[in-house]
């Protein structure tokens, strides 16, 4: 059974930091590209950051220089370090594990609220 479980969300003030973590099981993790997506109220889900199976990251323009994605193939986890958070980063953040164009798994999401 595949499991994708996010953790680390919460309430933070503007300018603050949070670290999200995604733990997976039931997949050959090292072969999967991993991504963090977010969905704000009334908006479509969007890609925030992704990292290939070989560890190459890419970021949405809106988070470049503030967010860092990393993976640990030994622990089957992927993290998202978020610094200098802004109110517009408020959203539910989802972890995605993808292999090719037909296989992907989603977590249930973790809520991030940036507010003073």
C-alpha atoms as a PDB file:
ATOM      1  CA  UNK A   1       0.000   0.000   0.000  1.00  0.00           C
ATOM      2  CA  UNK A   2       1.381   3.352  -1.039  1.00  0.00           C
ATOM      3  CA  UNK A   3       1.438   6.116   1.530  1.00  0.00           C
ATOM      4  CA  UNK A   4       2.402   9.752   1.052  1.00  0.00           C
ATOM      5  CA  UNK A   5       2.172  11.768   4.248  1.00  0.00           C
ATOM      6  CA  UNK A   6       2.943  15.463   4.671  1.00  0.00           C
ATOM      7  CA  UNK A   7       3.788  17.179   7.922  1.00  0.00           C
ATOM      8  CA  UNK A   8       5.139  20.476   9.185  1.00  0.00           C
ATOM      9  CA  UNK A   9       2.446  22.945   8.248  1.00  0.00           C
ATOM     10  CA  UNK A  10       1.158  25.595  10.580  1.00  0.00           C
ATOM     11  CA  UNK A  11       0.738  29.283  11.266  1.00  0.00           C
ATOM     12  CA  UNK A  12       3.725  31.561  10.797  1.00  0.00           C
ATOM     13  CA  UNK A  13       4.211  35.307  10.639  1.00  0.00           C
ATOM     14  CA  UNK A  14       5.340  37.018   7.444  1.00  0.00           C
ATOM     15  CA  UNK A  15       9.092  36.690   7.105  1.00  0.00           C
ATOM     16  CA  UNK A  16       9.140  33.478   9.075  1.00  0.00           C
ATOM     17  CA  UNK A  17      10.162  29.964   8.099  1.00  0.00           C
ATOM     18  CA  UNK A  18       8.628  26.520   8.005  1.00  0.00           C
ATOM     19  CA  UNK A  19       9.944  23.149   6.950  1.00  0.00           C
ATOM     20  CA  UNK A  20       7.549  20.708   5.367  1.00  0.00           C
ATOM     21  CA  UNK A  21       8.334  17.027   5.220  1.00  0.00           C
ATOM     22  CA  UNK A  22       6.844  14.256   3.112  1.00  0.00           C
ATOM     23  CA  UNK A  23       7.295  10.633   4.112  1.00  0.00           C
ATOM     24  CA  UNK A  24       6.556   7.875   1.636  1.00  0.00           C
ATOM     25  CA  UNK A  25       6.238   4.122   1.770  1.00  0.00           C
ATOM     26  CA  UNK A  26       5.258   1.412  -0.666  1.00  0.00           C
ATOM     27  CA  UNK A  27       7.117   2.890  -3.642  1.00  0.00           C
ATOM     28  CA  UNK A  28      10.623   2.574  -5.047  1.00  0.00           C
ATOM     29  CA  UNK A  29      11.308   6.093  -3.875  1.00  0.00           C
ATOM     30  CA  UNK A  30      14.644   6.642  -5.593  1.00  0.00           C
ATOM     31  CA  UNK A  31      13.002   6.162  -8.987  1.00  0.00           C
ATOM     32  CA  UNK A  32      10.343   8.793  -8.416  1.00  0.00           C
ATOM     33  CA  UNK A  33      10.353  12.479  -9.126  1.00  0.00           C
ATOM     34  CA  UNK A  34       8.986  14.299  -6.107  1.00  0.00           C
ATOM     35  CA  UNK A  35       7.093  17.546  -6.042  1.00  0.00           C
ATOM     36  CA  UNK A  36       5.447  20.002  -3.727  1.00  0.00           C
ATOM     37  CA  UNK A  37       2.275  21.660  -4.943  1.00  0.00           C
ATOM     38  CA  UNK A  38      -0.031  24.119  -3.276  1.00  0.00           C
ATOM     39  CA  UNK A  39      -3.598  25.196  -3.583  1.00  0.00           C
ATOM     40  CA  UNK A  40      -4.842  28.468  -2.190  1.00  0.00           C
ATOM     41  CA  UNK A  41      -8.546  29.114  -1.613  1.00  0.00           C
ATOM     42  CA  UNK A  42     -10.311  29.738  -4.907  1.00  0.00           C
ATOM     43  CA  UNK A  43      -7.224  28.960  -6.961  1.00  0.00           C
ATOM     44  CA  UNK A  44      -5.935  26.020  -8.932  1.00  0.00           C
ATOM     45  CA  UNK A  45      -3.285  23.721  -7.603  1.00  0.00           C
ATOM     46  CA  UNK A  46       0.148  24.863  -8.714  1.00  0.00           C
ATOM     47  CA  UNK A  47       3.630  23.418  -8.691  1.00  0.00           C
ATOM     48  CA  UNK A  48       5.885  24.993  -6.079  1.00  0.00           C
ATOM     49  CA  UNK A  49       9.032  22.908  -6.360  1.00  0.00           C
ATOM     50  CA  UNK A  50      10.096  19.566  -7.742  1.00  0.00           C
ATOM     51  CA  UNK A  51      13.150  17.379  -7.638  1.00  0.00           C
ATOM     52  CA  UNK A  52      14.030  14.665 -10.114  1.00  0.00           C
ATOM     53  CA  UNK A  53      15.038  11.145  -9.198  1.00  0.00           C
ATOM     54  CA  UNK A  54      18.615  12.283  -9.759  1.00  0.00           C
ATOM     55  CA  UNK A  55      18.237  15.191  -7.371  1.00  0.00           C
ATOM     56  CA  UNK A  56      17.842  18.076  -9.812  1.00  0.00           C
ATOM     57  CA  UNK A  57      15.516  20.730  -8.384  1.00  0.00           C
ATOM     58  CA  UNK A  58      13.325  23.278 -10.065  1.00  0.00           C
ATOM     59  CA  UNK A  59      11.135  25.995  -8.609  1.00  0.00           C
ATOM     60  CA  UNK A  60       8.214  28.199  -9.430  1.00  0.00           C
ATOM     61  CA  UNK A  61       9.360  31.764 -10.045  1.00  0.00           C
ATOM     62  CA  UNK A  62       7.345  32.955  -7.072  1.00  0.00           C
ATOM     63  CA  UNK A  63       9.422  30.931  -4.606  1.00  0.00           C
ATOM     64  CA  UNK A  64      12.897  31.003  -6.145  1.00  0.00           C
ATOM     65  CA  UNK A  65      15.475  32.108  -3.622  1.00  0.00           C
ATOM     66  CA  UNK A  66      13.114  31.484  -0.705  1.00  0.00           C
ATOM     67  CA  UNK A  67      12.237  27.778  -0.871  1.00  0.00           C
ATOM     68  CA  UNK A  68      14.547  24.782  -1.083  1.00  0.00           C
ATOM     69  CA  UNK A  69      13.509  21.256  -1.930  1.00  0.00           C
ATOM     70  CA  UNK A  70      15.618  18.288  -0.903  1.00  0.00           C
ATOM     71  CA  UNK A  71      15.267  14.527  -0.848  1.00  0.00           C
ATOM     72  CA  UNK A  72      16.717  11.714   1.203  1.00  0.00           C
ATOM     73  CA  UNK A  73      16.587   8.460  -0.703  1.00  0.00           C
ATOM     74  CA  UNK A  74      17.709   6.497   2.355  1.00  0.00           C
ATOM     75  CA  UNK A  75      14.722   7.740   4.360  1.00  0.00           C
ATOM     76  CA  UNK A  76      12.244   7.957   1.455  1.00  0.00           C
ATOM     77  CA  UNK A  77      11.475  11.550   2.320  1.00  0.00           C
ATOM     78  CA  UNK A  78      11.360  14.900   0.596  1.00  0.00           C
ATOM     79  CA  UNK A  79      11.455  18.207   2.422  1.00  0.00           C
ATOM     80  CA  UNK A  80      10.579  21.759   1.537  1.00  0.00           C
ATOM     81  CA  UNK A  81      12.370  24.468   3.471  1.00  0.00           C
ATOM     82  CA  UNK A  82      10.398  27.700   3.211  1.00  0.00           C
ATOM     83  CA  UNK A  83      12.019  30.965   4.246  1.00  0.00           C
ATOM     84  CA  UNK A  84      10.865  34.555   4.141  1.00  0.00           C
ATOM     85  CA  UNK A  85       7.274  33.450   3.932  1.00  0.00           C
ATOM     86  CA  UNK A  86       4.689  35.836   2.552  1.00  0.00           C
ATOM     87  CA  UNK A  87       0.914  35.980   3.021  1.00  0.00           C
ATOM     88  CA  UNK A  88       0.518  34.848  -0.585  1.00  0.00           C
ATOM     89  CA  UNK A  89       2.237  31.569   0.342  1.00  0.00           C
ATOM     90  CA  UNK A  90      -0.831  30.661   2.371  1.00  0.00           C
ATOM     91  CA  UNK A  91      -2.236  27.428   0.957  1.00  0.00           C
ATOM     92  CA  UNK A  92      -2.607  23.736   1.457  1.00  0.00           C
ATOM     93  CA  UNK A  93       0.649  22.107   0.399  1.00  0.00           C
ATOM     94  CA  UNK A  94       0.603  18.696  -1.210  1.00  0.00           C
ATOM     95  CA  UNK A  95       3.372  16.197  -1.811  1.00  0.00           C
ATOM     96  CA  UNK A  96       3.433  14.298  -5.083  1.00  0.00           C
ATOM     97  CA  UNK A  97       5.404  11.243  -6.141  1.00  0.00           C
ATOM     98  CA  UNK A  98       5.540  10.653  -9.885  1.00  0.00           C
ATOM     99  CA  UNK A  99       7.123   8.096 -12.165  1.00  0.00           C
ATOM    100  CA  UNK A 100       6.696   8.608 -15.861  1.00  0.00           C
ATOM    101  CA  UNK A 101       3.481  10.102 -17.151  1.00  0.00           C
ATOM    102  CA  UNK A 102       1.059   7.589 -15.737  1.00  0.00           C
ATOM    103  CA  UNK A 103       2.033   6.890 -12.183  1.00  0.00           C
ATOM    104  CA  UNK A 104       1.650   9.401  -9.426  1.00  0.00           C
ATOM    105  CA  UNK A 105       0.558   9.504  -5.828  1.00  0.00           C
ATOM    106  CA  UNK A 106      -0.642  12.363  -3.668  1.00  0.00           C
ATOM    107  CA  UNK A 107      -0.686  13.075   0.002  1.00  0.00           C
ATOM    108  CA  UNK A 108      -3.600  14.582   1.880  1.00  0.00           C
ATOM    109  CA  UNK A 109      -1.955  17.972   2.260  1.00  0.00           C
ATOM    110  CA  UNK A 110      -0.733  20.152   5.081  1.00  0.00           C
ATOM    111  CA  UNK A 111      -1.986  23.676   5.654  1.00  0.00           C
ATOM    112  CA  UNK A 112       0.341  26.643   5.749  1.00  0.00           C
ATOM    113  CA  UNK A 113      -0.984  29.991   6.928  1.00  0.00           C
ATOM    114  CA  UNK A 114       1.170  33.102   6.772  1.00  0.00           C
ATOM    115  CA  UNK A 115      -0.391  35.872   8.770  1.00  0.00           C
ATOM    116  CA  UNK A 116       0.422  38.428  11.404  1.00  0.00           C
END
